[in-house]
Amino acid sequence: MVSQTETGSGRPYSPAQVRRLTDFDLTLPALGLLILFFVLPVAMLLTRSVTEPVPGLGNYAELLGSSTYLRIFANTFIVSGLVTLVSLLIGFPVAWALAIMPNRAASIVFAILLLSMWTNLLARTYAWMVLLQRTGVINKMLLGMGLIDTPLPLVNNLTGVTIGMTYIMLPFIILPLYGVIRKIDPAILQAAALCGANRWQSLVRVLLPLAMPGMAAGALMVFVMSLGYFVTPALLGGTSNMMLAELIAQFVQSLVNWGMGGAAALVLLVVTLALYAVQLRFFGTNRMGGR
């Protein structure tokens, strides 16, 4: 009887051949699910963008030639960029503090971060609506301290969207940064100090370059997620400050215009893939993982 590790001619498979067969077989179920539930639906949607209502690129011409739609694109990229920048400015000190604080205190902060991630998104967004409204806690505190004379308009505009989304996105940039900073050898910073570098020089010339892969990975994640976010912009921004995900939902659900919805979705997909390609070009998969 020929063993399972033998070829049809009776010659045994080499270990490399057995390993390749095993790896390929293990990936087949995942590839099948990916093709069935992601690739095919996306391909069908994108096909409709060039076939409905008539074949051609009319949907893309209308989408990119309208000042209204271009303003929605501008809103989307401005808010996503601001959210990414503010998340980096807040997330880096938090990740650094987590890396150097005692384990017990770090565990408490981690529990707070995870609790914020696990809390229902809709509940968190409604909480920010309460906090940011003209009679909310934030405006009352500012009025009570005499910092403002009239309540600030913090909802139904891009300011409220930026604040709400920054709060939601912070864990997604803190966790990658924390993983990278934890792997930095403290002796490197000590060596910089021994060479005469002050704290600012150590931060700019040593810590930031070493943490750059984690910053890039977290920034890409936050920016891409912000581009396609729907719930928070819809509730805190209002119809006059629509973003791209809301536009796609309106095309598909309200107007039943699958062609325009598919065109907008393709633009979003192309931007996302382009950003990922740029990051792979400059950092690579190993450096993004902190290795």
C-alpha atoms as a PDB file:
ATOM      1  CA  MET A   1       0.000   0.000   0.000  1.00  0.00           C
ATOM      2  CA  VAL A   2       1.281   3.463  -0.905  1.00  0.00           C
ATOM      3  CA  SER A   3       1.451   5.822   2.060  1.00  0.00           C
ATOM      4  CA  GLN A   4      -0.301   9.175   2.078  1.00  0.00           C
ATOM      5  CA  THR A   5       3.019  10.933   1.715  1.00  0.00           C
ATOM      6  CA  GLU A   6       3.917   9.107  -1.489  1.00  0.00           C
ATOM      7  CA  THR A   7       3.297  10.197  -5.067  1.00  0.00           C
ATOM      8  CA  GLY A   8       1.471   8.077  -7.620  1.00  0.00           C
ATOM      9  CA  SER A   9       4.782   6.710  -8.867  1.00  0.00           C
ATOM     10  CA  GLY A  10       5.702   5.463  -5.433  1.00  0.00           C
ATOM     11  CA  ARG A  11       8.220   8.236  -4.717  1.00  0.00           C
ATOM     12  CA  PRO A  12       7.596   9.977  -1.373  1.00  0.00           C
ATOM     13  CA  TYR A  13       6.771  13.693  -1.265  1.00  0.00           C
ATOM     14  CA  SER A  14       9.528  15.939  -0.053  1.00  0.00           C
ATOM     15  CA  PRO A  15       8.846  17.802   3.242  1.00  0.00           C
ATOM     16  CA  ALA A  16       8.549  21.047   1.268  1.00  0.00           C
ATOM     17  CA  GLN A  17       5.864  19.556  -0.990  1.00  0.00           C
ATOM     18  CA  VAL A  18       3.901  18.266   1.997  1.00  0.00           C
ATOM     19  CA  ARG A  19       4.137  21.678   3.678  1.00  0.00           C
ATOM     20  CA  ARG A  20       2.953  23.508   0.553  1.00  0.00           C
ATOM     21  CA  LEU A  21      -0.012  21.195   0.149  1.00  0.00           C
ATOM     22  CA  THR A  22      -0.990  21.600   3.782  1.00  0.00           C
ATOM     23  CA  ASP A  23      -0.763  25.406   3.702  1.00  0.00           C
ATOM     24  CA  PHE A  24      -2.800  25.636   0.508  1.00  0.00           C
ATOM     25  CA  ASP A  25      -5.465  23.299   1.823  1.00  0.00           C
ATOM     26  CA  LEU A  26      -5.777  25.309   5.017  1.00  0.00           C
ATOM     27  CA  THR A  27      -6.297  28.552   3.107  1.00  0.00           C
ATOM     28  CA  LEU A  28      -9.026  27.198   0.824  1.00  0.00           C
ATOM     29  CA  PRO A  29     -11.951  27.686   3.303  1.00  0.00           C
ATOM     30  CA  ALA A  30     -10.856  31.244   4.099  1.00  0.00           C
ATOM     31  CA  LEU A  31     -10.387  32.072   0.417  1.00  0.00           C
ATOM     32  CA  GLY A  32     -13.807  30.627  -0.389  1.00  0.00           C
ATOM     33  CA  LEU A  33     -15.517  32.720   2.293  1.00  0.00           C
ATOM     34  CA  LEU A  34     -13.603  35.829   1.211  1.00  0.00           C
ATOM     35  CA  ILE A  35     -14.614  35.388  -2.428  1.00  0.00           C
ATOM     36  CA  LEU A  36     -18.226  34.520  -1.619  1.00  0.00           C
ATOM     37  CA  PHE A  37     -18.999  37.214   0.942  1.00  0.00           C
ATOM     38  CA  PHE A  38     -16.625  40.042  -0.057  1.00  0.00           C
ATOM     39  CA  VAL A  39     -15.179  39.837  -3.565  1.00  0.00           C
ATOM     40  CA  LEU A  40     -18.388  38.842  -5.368  1.00  0.00           C
ATOM     41  CA  PRO A  41     -20.664  41.434  -3.674  1.00  0.00           C
ATOM     42  CA  VAL A  42     -18.106  44.193  -4.265  1.00  0.00           C
ATOM     43  CA  ALA A  43     -17.657  43.124  -7.893  1.00  0.00           C
ATOM     44  CA  MET A  44     -21.424  43.107  -8.439  1.00  0.00           C
ATOM     45  CA  LEU A  45     -21.781  46.574  -6.905  1.00  0.00           C
ATOM     46  CA  LEU A  46     -18.942  47.991  -8.967  1.00  0.00           C
ATOM     47  CA  THR A  47     -20.363  46.402 -12.115  1.00  0.00           C
ATOM     48  CA  ARG A  48     -23.642  48.203 -11.506  1.00  0.00           C
ATOM     49  CA  SER A  49     -21.735  51.483 -11.277  1.00  0.00           C
ATOM     50  CA  VAL A  50     -20.899  51.244 -14.994  1.00  0.00           C
ATOM     51  CA  THR A  51     -24.123  49.587 -16.204  1.00  0.00           C
ATOM     52  CA  GLU A  52     -26.944  51.455 -14.413  1.00  0.00           C
ATOM     53  CA  PRO A  53     -28.925  53.334 -15.518  1.00  0.00           C
ATOM     54  CA  VAL A  54     -27.053  53.111 -18.845  1.00  0.00           C
ATOM     55  CA  PRO A  55     -23.694  51.499 -19.675  1.00  0.00           C
ATOM     56  CA  GLY A  56     -20.742  53.854 -19.468  1.00  0.00           C
ATOM     57  CA  LEU A  57     -18.929  56.136 -17.049  1.00  0.00           C
ATOM     58  CA  GLY A  58     -21.771  58.611 -16.650  1.00  0.00           C
ATOM     59  CA  ASN A  59     -22.090  57.945 -12.909  1.00  0.00           C
ATOM     60  CA  TYR A  60     -18.431  58.797 -12.339  1.00  0.00           C
ATOM     61  CA  ALA A  61     -18.669  61.918 -14.489  1.00  0.00           C
ATOM     62  CA  GLU A  62     -21.674  63.108 -12.499  1.00  0.00           C
ATOM     63  CA  LEU A  63     -20.086  62.221  -9.173  1.00  0.00           C
ATOM     64  CA  LEU A  64     -16.767  63.971  -9.849  1.00  0.00           C
ATOM     65  CA  GLY A  65     -18.258  66.858 -11.833  1.00  0.00           C
ATOM     66  CA  SER A  66     -20.793  68.063  -9.275  1.00  0.00           C
ATOM     67  CA  SER A  67     -19.783  70.747  -6.794  1.00  0.00           C
ATOM     68  CA  THR A  68     -22.211  69.271  -4.251  1.00  0.00           C
ATOM     69  CA  TYR A  69     -20.605  65.841  -4.368  1.00  0.00           C
ATOM     70  CA  LEU A  70     -17.113  67.327  -4.384  1.00  0.00           C
ATOM     71  CA  ARG A  71     -17.961  69.234  -1.200  1.00  0.00           C
ATOM     72  CA  ILE A  72     -19.010  65.940   0.395  1.00  0.00           C
ATOM     73  CA  PHE A  73     -15.661  64.431  -0.647  1.00  0.00           C
ATOM     74  CA  ALA A  74     -13.889  67.449   0.860  1.00  0.00           C
ATOM     75  CA  ASN A  75     -15.834  67.099   4.114  1.00  0.00           C
ATOM     76  CA  THR A  76     -14.903  63.432   4.285  1.00  0.00           C
ATOM     77  CA  PHE A  77     -11.167  63.934   3.775  1.00  0.00           C
ATOM     78  CA  ILE A  78     -10.945  67.012   6.010  1.00  0.00           C
ATOM     79  CA  VAL A  79     -12.707  65.327   8.909  1.00  0.00           C
ATOM     80  CA  SER A  80     -10.763  62.075   8.460  1.00  0.00           C
ATOM     81  CA  GLY A  81      -7.477  63.984   8.395  1.00  0.00           C
ATOM     82  CA  LEU A  82      -8.359  66.025  11.474  1.00  0.00           C
ATOM     83  CA  VAL A  83      -9.495  62.945  13.384  1.00  0.00           C
ATOM     84  CA  THR A  84      -6.261  61.152  12.486  1.00  0.00           C
ATOM     85  CA  LEU A  85      -4.084  64.112  13.490  1.00  0.00           C
ATOM     86  CA  VAL A  86      -5.854  64.743  16.816  1.00  0.00           C
ATOM     87  CA  SER A  87      -5.881  61.017  17.591  1.00  0.00           C
ATOM     88  CA  LEU A  88      -2.106  60.896  17.040  1.00  0.00           C
ATOM     89  CA  LEU A  89      -1.499  63.951  19.224  1.00  0.00           C
ATOM     90  CA  ILE A  90      -3.563  62.468  22.056  1.00  0.00           C
ATOM     91  CA  GLY A  91      -2.783  58.805  21.495  1.00  0.00           C
ATOM     92  CA  PHE A  92       1.023  59.021  21.495  1.00  0.00           C
ATOM     93  CA  PRO A  93       1.371  60.440  25.039  1.00  0.00           C
ATOM     94  CA  VAL A  94      -1.215  57.951  26.305  1.00  0.00           C
ATOM     95  CA  ALA A  95       0.603  55.012  24.674  1.00  0.00           C
ATOM     96  CA  TRP A  96       3.933  56.231  26.077  1.00  0.00           C
ATOM     97  CA  ALA A  97       2.426  56.582  29.546  1.00  0.00           C
ATOM     98  CA  LEU A  98       0.987  53.067  29.306  1.00  0.00           C
ATOM     99  CA  ALA A  99       4.393  51.701  28.358  1.00  0.00           C
ATOM    100  CA  ILE A 100       6.233  53.240  31.335  1.00  0.00           C
ATOM    101  CA  MET A 101       3.619  53.190  34.115  1.00  0.00           C
ATOM    102  CA  PRO A 102       3.383  50.330  36.657  1.00  0.00           C
ATOM    103  CA  ASN A 103       1.487  47.212  35.585  1.00  0.00           C
ATOM    104  CA  ARG A 104      -1.419  47.788  37.976  1.00  0.00           C
ATOM    105  CA  ALA A 105      -2.056  51.332  36.744  1.00  0.00           C
ATOM    106  CA  ALA A 106      -1.603  50.253  33.116  1.00  0.00           C
ATOM    107  CA  SER A 107      -4.183  47.504  33.622  1.00  0.00           C
ATOM    108  CA  ILE A 108      -6.721  50.055  34.860  1.00  0.00           C
ATOM    109  CA  VAL A 109      -6.141  52.338  31.867  1.00  0.00           C
ATOM    110  CA  PHE A 110      -6.368  49.372  29.517  1.00  0.00           C
ATOM    111  CA  ALA A 111      -9.665  48.365  31.122  1.00  0.00           C
ATOM    112  CA  ILE A 112     -11.024  51.884  30.509  1.00  0.00           C
ATOM    113  CA  LEU A 113      -9.914  51.758  26.861  1.00  0.00           C
ATOM    114  CA  LEU A 114     -11.457  48.351  26.277  1.00  0.00           C
ATOM    115  CA  LEU A 115     -14.659  49.359  28.031  1.00  0.00           C
ATOM    116  CA  SER A 116     -14.985  52.358  25.724  1.00  0.00           C
ATOM    117  CA  MET A 117     -14.500  50.086  22.704  1.00  0.00           C
ATOM    118  CA  TRP A 118     -17.047  47.536  23.913  1.00  0.00           C
ATOM    119  CA  THR A 119     -19.720  50.114  24.718  1.00  0.00           C
ATOM    120  CA  ASN A 120     -22.423  50.342  22.068  1.00  0.00           C
ATOM    121  CA  LEU A 121     -21.458  52.824  19.351  1.00  0.00           C
ATOM    122  CA  LEU A 122     -24.936  54.331  19.146  1.00  0.00           C
ATOM    123  CA  ALA A 123     -25.010  54.893  22.906  1.00  0.00           C
ATOM    124  CA  ARG A 124     -21.621  56.639  22.831  1.00  0.00           C
ATOM    125  CA  THR A 125     -22.701  58.878  19.968  1.00  0.00           C
ATOM    126  CA  TYR A 126     -25.935  59.873  21.705  1.00  0.00           C
ATOM    127  CA  ALA A 127     -23.908  60.605  24.840  1.00  0.00           C
ATOM    128  CA  TRP A 128     -21.780  63.062  22.859  1.00  0.00           C
ATOM    129  CA  MET A 129     -24.949  64.650  21.473  1.00  0.00           C
ATOM    130  CA  VAL A 130     -26.037  65.334  25.041  1.00  0.00           C
ATOM    131  CA  LEU A 131     -22.634  66.665  26.040  1.00  0.00           C
ATOM    132  CA  LEU A 132     -22.147  68.917  23.003  1.00  0.00           C
ATOM    133  CA  GLN A 133     -25.577  70.467  22.590  1.00  0.00           C
ATOM    134  CA  ARG A 134     -26.124  74.166  23.402  1.00  0.00           C
ATOM    135  CA  THR A 135     -27.579  73.308  26.819  1.00  0.00           C
ATOM    136  CA  GLY A 136     -25.155  70.436  27.387  1.00  0.00           C
ATOM    137  CA  VAL A 137     -22.556  69.926  30.078  1.00  0.00           C
ATOM    138  CA  ILE A 138     -19.627  71.319  28.082  1.00  0.00           C
ATOM    139  CA  ASN A 139     -21.312  74.612  27.194  1.00  0.00           C
ATOM    140  CA  LYS A 140     -22.616  75.015  30.755  1.00  0.00           C
ATOM    141  CA  MET A 141     -19.110  74.507  32.163  1.00  0.00           C
ATOM    142  CA  LEU A 142     -17.590  77.016  29.750  1.00  0.00           C
ATOM    143  CA  LEU A 143     -20.332  79.544  30.534  1.00  0.00           C
ATOM    144  CA  GLY A 144     -19.937  78.985  34.265  1.00  0.00           C
ATOM    145  CA  MET A 145     -16.172  79.590  34.072  1.00  0.00           C
ATOM    146  CA  GLY A 146     -16.736  82.774  32.072  1.00  0.00           C
ATOM    147  CA  LEU A 147     -14.743  81.543  29.077  1.00  0.00           C
ATOM    148  CA  ILE A 148     -17.615  82.159  26.648  1.00  0.00           C
ATOM    149  CA  ASP A 149     -20.615  84.506  26.594  1.00  0.00           C
ATOM    150  CA  THR A 150     -22.923  82.423  24.400  1.00  0.00           C
ATOM    151  CA  PRO A 151     -23.134  78.646  23.901  1.00  0.00           C
ATOM    152  CA  LEU A 152     -20.831  77.253  21.228  1.00  0.00           C
ATOM    153  CA  PRO A 153     -22.370  75.401  18.234  1.00  0.00           C
ATOM    154  CA  LEU A 154     -20.797  71.986  18.750  1.00  0.00           C
ATOM    155  CA  VAL A 155     -23.404  69.738  17.095  1.00  0.00           C
ATOM    156  CA  ASN A 156     -24.841  69.571  13.587  1.00  0.00           C
ATOM    157  CA  ASN A 157     -21.475  70.633  12.198  1.00  0.00           C
ATOM    158  CA  LEU A 158     -18.061  69.178  11.406  1.00  0.00           C
ATOM    159  CA  THR A 159     -16.719  70.217  14.819  1.00  0.00           C
ATOM    160  CA  GLY A 160     -19.054  67.826  16.598  1.00  0.00           C
ATOM    161  CA  VAL A 161     -18.256  65.067  14.084  1.00  0.00           C
ATOM    162  CA  THR A 162     -14.518  65.519  14.666  1.00  0.00           C
ATOM    163  CA  ILE A 163     -14.873  65.429  18.462  1.00  0.00           C
ATOM    164  CA  GLY A 164     -17.128  62.372  18.478  1.00  0.00           C
ATOM    165  CA  MET A 165     -15.053  60.421  15.981  1.00  0.00           C
ATOM    166  CA  THR A 166     -11.768  61.245  17.714  1.00  0.00           C
ATOM    167  CA  TYR A 167     -13.114  59.764  20.943  1.00  0.00           C
ATOM    168  CA  ILE A 168     -14.204  56.601  19.124  1.00  0.00           C
ATOM    169  CA  MET A 169     -10.959  56.215  17.162  1.00  0.00           C
ATOM    170  CA  LEU A 170      -8.493  56.806  19.999  1.00  0.00           C
ATOM    171  CA  PRO A 171      -8.198  53.127  21.071  1.00  0.00           C
ATOM    172  CA  PHE A 172      -7.393  52.112  17.504  1.00  0.00           C
ATOM    173  CA  ILE A 173      -4.300  54.298  17.495  1.00  0.00           C
ATOM    174  CA  ILE A 174      -3.247  53.830  21.122  1.00  0.00           C
ATOM    175  CA  LEU A 175      -3.049  50.037  20.935  1.00  0.00           C
ATOM    176  CA  PRO A 176      -0.711  49.803  17.887  1.00  0.00           C
ATOM    177  CA  LEU A 177       1.473  52.580  19.325  1.00  0.00           C
ATOM    178  CA  TYR A 178       1.650  50.848  22.686  1.00  0.00           C
ATOM    179  CA  GLY A 179       2.772  47.596  21.056  1.00  0.00           C
ATOM    180  CA  VAL A 180       5.603  49.338  19.205  1.00  0.00           C
ATOM    181  CA  ILE A 181       6.746  51.514  22.117  1.00  0.00           C
ATOM    182  CA  ARG A 182       6.867  48.512  24.451  1.00  0.00           C
ATOM    183  CA  LYS A 183       9.404  46.889  22.119  1.00  0.00           C
ATOM    184  CA  ILE A 184      11.776  49.859  22.221  1.00  0.00           C
ATOM    185  CA  ASP A 185      14.769  49.059  24.418  1.00  0.00           C
ATOM    186  CA  PRO A 186      14.983  51.636  27.263  1.00  0.00           C
ATOM    187  CA  ALA A 187      18.776  51.419  26.974  1.00  0.00           C
ATOM    188  CA  ILE A 188      18.526  53.303  23.669  1.00  0.00           C
ATOM    189  CA  LEU A 189      16.986  56.318  25.399  1.00  0.00           C
ATOM    190  CA  GLN A 190      19.508  56.051  28.222  1.00  0.00           C
ATOM    191  CA  ALA A 191      22.318  56.032  25.666  1.00  0.00           C
ATOM    192  CA  ALA A 192      20.881  59.170  24.045  1.00  0.00           C
ATOM    193  CA  ALA A 193      20.835  60.893  27.439  1.00  0.00           C
ATOM    194  CA  LEU A 194      24.427  59.848  28.128  1.00  0.00           C
ATOM    195  CA  CYS A 195      25.423  61.334  24.768  1.00  0.00           C
ATOM    196  CA  GLY A 196      24.047  64.698  25.865  1.00  0.00           C
ATOM    197  CA  ALA A 197      20.568  64.651  24.345  1.00  0.00           C
ATOM    198  CA  ASN A 198      17.906  66.443  26.354  1.00  0.00           C
ATOM    199  CA  ARG A 199      14.336  65.146  26.650  1.00  0.00           C
ATOM    200  CA  TRP A 200      13.110  67.002  23.568  1.00  0.00           C
ATOM    201  CA  GLN A 201      15.996  65.735  21.438  1.00  0.00           C
ATOM    202  CA  SER A 202      15.476  62.185  22.687  1.00  0.00           C
ATOM    203  CA  LEU A 203      11.813  62.418  21.772  1.00  0.00           C
ATOM    204  CA  VAL A 204      12.304  63.885  18.292  1.00  0.00           C
ATOM    205  CA  ARG A 205      15.471  62.061  17.223  1.00  0.00           C
ATOM    206  CA  VAL A 206      15.122  58.701  18.969  1.00  0.00           C
ATOM    207  CA  LEU A 207      11.651  57.845  20.216  1.00  0.00           C
ATOM    208  CA  LEU A 208       9.553  59.216  17.345  1.00  0.00           C
ATOM    209  CA  PRO A 209      11.604  57.539  14.560  1.00  0.00           C
ATOM    210  CA  LEU A 210      11.501  54.197  16.386  1.00  0.00           C
ATOM    211  CA  ALA A 211       7.750  54.520  16.981  1.00  0.00           C
ATOM    212  CA  MET A 212       7.017  55.653  13.419  1.00  0.00           C
ATOM    213  CA  PRO A 213       5.851  52.201  12.174  1.00  0.00           C
ATOM    214  CA  GLY A 214       3.237  52.042  14.914  1.00  0.00           C
ATOM    215  CA  MET A 215       2.191  55.629  14.240  1.00  0.00           C
ATOM    216  CA  ALA A 216       1.818  54.870  10.531  1.00  0.00           C
ATOM    217  CA  ALA A 217      -0.176  51.695  11.167  1.00  0.00           C
ATOM    218  CA  GLY A 218      -2.493  53.410  13.646  1.00  0.00           C
ATOM    219  CA  ALA A 219      -2.903  56.507  11.478  1.00  0.00           C
ATOM    220  CA  LEU A 220      -3.803  54.411   8.436  1.00  0.00           C
ATOM    221  CA  MET A 221      -6.348  52.423  10.430  1.00  0.00           C
ATOM    222  CA  VAL A 222      -7.965  55.540  11.859  1.00  0.00           C
ATOM    223  CA  PHE A 223      -7.994  57.424   8.546  1.00  0.00           C
ATOM    224  CA  VAL A 224      -9.497  54.534   6.577  1.00  0.00           C
ATOM    225  CA  MET A 225     -12.128  53.828   9.231  1.00  0.00           C
ATOM    226  CA  SER A 226     -12.991  57.532   9.365  1.00  0.00           C
ATOM    227  CA  LEU A 227     -13.477  57.652   5.592  1.00  0.00           C
ATOM    228  CA  GLY A 228     -16.205  55.032   5.779  1.00  0.00           C
ATOM    229  CA  TYR A 229     -17.819  55.953   9.108  1.00  0.00           C
ATOM    230  CA  PHE A 230     -21.573  56.399   9.074  1.00  0.00           C
ATOM    231  CA  VAL A 231     -23.340  56.527  12.460  1.00  0.00           C
ATOM    232  CA  THR A 232     -21.390  59.299  14.204  1.00  0.00           C
ATOM    233  CA  PRO A 233     -21.299  61.730  11.229  1.00  0.00           C
ATOM    234  CA  ALA A 234     -25.005  61.134  10.562  1.00  0.00           C
ATOM    235  CA  LEU A 235     -26.003  61.976  14.155  1.00  0.00           C
ATOM    236  CA  LEU A 236     -23.510  64.714  15.019  1.00  0.00           C
ATOM    237  CA  GLY A 237     -23.078  66.296  11.597  1.00  0.00           C
ATOM    238  CA  GLY A 238     -26.567  66.557  10.167  1.00  0.00           C
ATOM    239  CA  THR A 239     -27.618  66.640   6.525  1.00  0.00           C
ATOM    240  CA  SER A 240     -25.796  69.897   5.763  1.00  0.00           C
ATOM    241  CA  ASN A 241     -22.430  68.319   6.636  1.00  0.00           C
ATOM    242  CA  MET A 242     -22.792  64.973   4.902  1.00  0.00           C
ATOM    243  CA  MET A 243     -19.841  62.611   4.485  1.00  0.00           C
ATOM    244  CA  LEU A 244     -19.182  59.968   1.859  1.00  0.00           C
ATOM    245  CA  ALA A 245     -20.611  56.986   3.749  1.00  0.00           C
ATOM    246  CA  GLU A 246     -23.869  58.889   4.280  1.00  0.00           C
ATOM    247  CA  LEU A 247     -23.951  59.746   0.571  1.00  0.00           C
ATOM    248  CA  ILE A 248     -23.573  56.082  -0.404  1.00  0.00           C
ATOM    249  CA  ALA A 249     -26.341  55.088   2.028  1.00  0.00           C
ATOM    250  CA  GLN A 250     -28.611  57.789   0.605  1.00  0.00           C
ATOM    251  CA  PHE A 251     -27.982  56.660  -2.976  1.00  0.00           C
ATOM    252  CA  VAL A 252     -28.768  53.028  -2.141  1.00  0.00           C
ATOM    253  CA  GLN A 253     -31.513  53.301   0.489  1.00  0.00           C
ATOM    254  CA  SER A 254     -33.382  56.508  -0.297  1.00  0.00           C
ATOM    255  CA  LEU A 255     -32.840  57.077  -4.019  1.00  0.00           C
ATOM    256  CA  VAL A 256     -32.367  53.386  -4.970  1.00  0.00           C
ATOM    257  CA  ASN A 257     -29.620  54.549  -7.325  1.00  0.00           C
ATOM    258  CA  TRP A 258     -27.227  51.614  -7.253  1.00  0.00           C
ATOM    259  CA  GLY A 259     -25.138  53.042 -10.080  1.00  0.00           C
ATOM    260  CA  MET A 260     -24.179  56.215  -8.215  1.00  0.00           C
ATOM    261  CA  GLY A 261     -23.795  54.287  -4.969  1.00  0.00           C
ATOM    262  CA  GLY A 262     -21.403  51.858  -6.636  1.00  0.00           C
ATOM    263  CA  ALA A 263     -19.407  54.711  -8.177  1.00  0.00           C
ATOM    264  CA  ALA A 264     -19.001  56.432  -4.803  1.00  0.00           C
ATOM    265  CA  ALA A 265     -18.047  53.105  -3.208  1.00  0.00           C
ATOM    266  CA  LEU A 266     -15.382  52.504  -5.871  1.00  0.00           C
ATOM    267  CA  VAL A 267     -13.849  55.934  -5.249  1.00  0.00           C
ATOM    268  CA  LEU A 268     -13.672  55.144  -1.531  1.00  0.00           C
ATOM    269  CA  LEU A 269     -12.167  51.703  -2.241  1.00  0.00           C
ATOM    270  CA  VAL A 270      -9.515  53.130  -4.582  1.00  0.00           C
ATOM    271  CA  VAL A 271      -8.475  55.754  -2.025  1.00  0.00           C
ATOM    272  CA  THR A 272      -8.212  53.113   0.695  1.00  0.00           C
ATOM    273  CA  LEU A 273      -6.103  50.751  -1.437  1.00  0.00           C
ATOM    274  CA  ALA A 274      -3.868  53.631  -2.544  1.00  0.00           C
ATOM    275  CA  LEU A 275      -3.185  54.641   1.065  1.00  0.00           C
ATOM    276  CA  TYR A 276      -2.407  51.051   2.009  1.00  0.00           C
ATOM    277  CA  ALA A 277      -0.044  50.701  -0.973  1.00  0.00           C
ATOM    278  CA  VAL A 278       1.788  53.891   0.012  1.00  0.00           C
ATOM    279  CA  GLN A 279       2.255  52.657   3.557  1.00  0.00           C
ATOM    280  CA  LEU A 280       3.521  49.265   2.369  1.00  0.00           C
ATOM    281  CA  ARG A 281       5.944  51.066   0.073  1.00  0.00           C
ATOM    282  CA  PHE A 282       7.487  53.146   2.853  1.00  0.00           C
ATOM    283  CA  PHE A 283       7.150  50.852   5.873  1.00  0.00           C
ATOM    284  CA  GLY A 284       6.423  47.285   4.738  1.00  0.00           C
ATOM    285  CA  THR A 285       4.480  44.662   6.656  1.00  0.00           C
ATOM    286  CA  ASN A 286       7.276  43.824   9.096  1.00  0.00           C
ATOM    287  CA  ARG A 287       7.980  47.418  10.131  1.00  0.00           C
ATOM    288  CA  MET A 288       4.260  48.175  10.520  1.00  0.00           C
ATOM    289  CA  GLY A 289       4.076  45.288  12.925  1.00  0.00           C
ATOM    290  CA  GLY A 290       6.949  46.677  14.930  1.00  0.00           C
ATOM    291  CA  ARG A 291       9.416  43.953  13.977  1.00  0.00           C
END
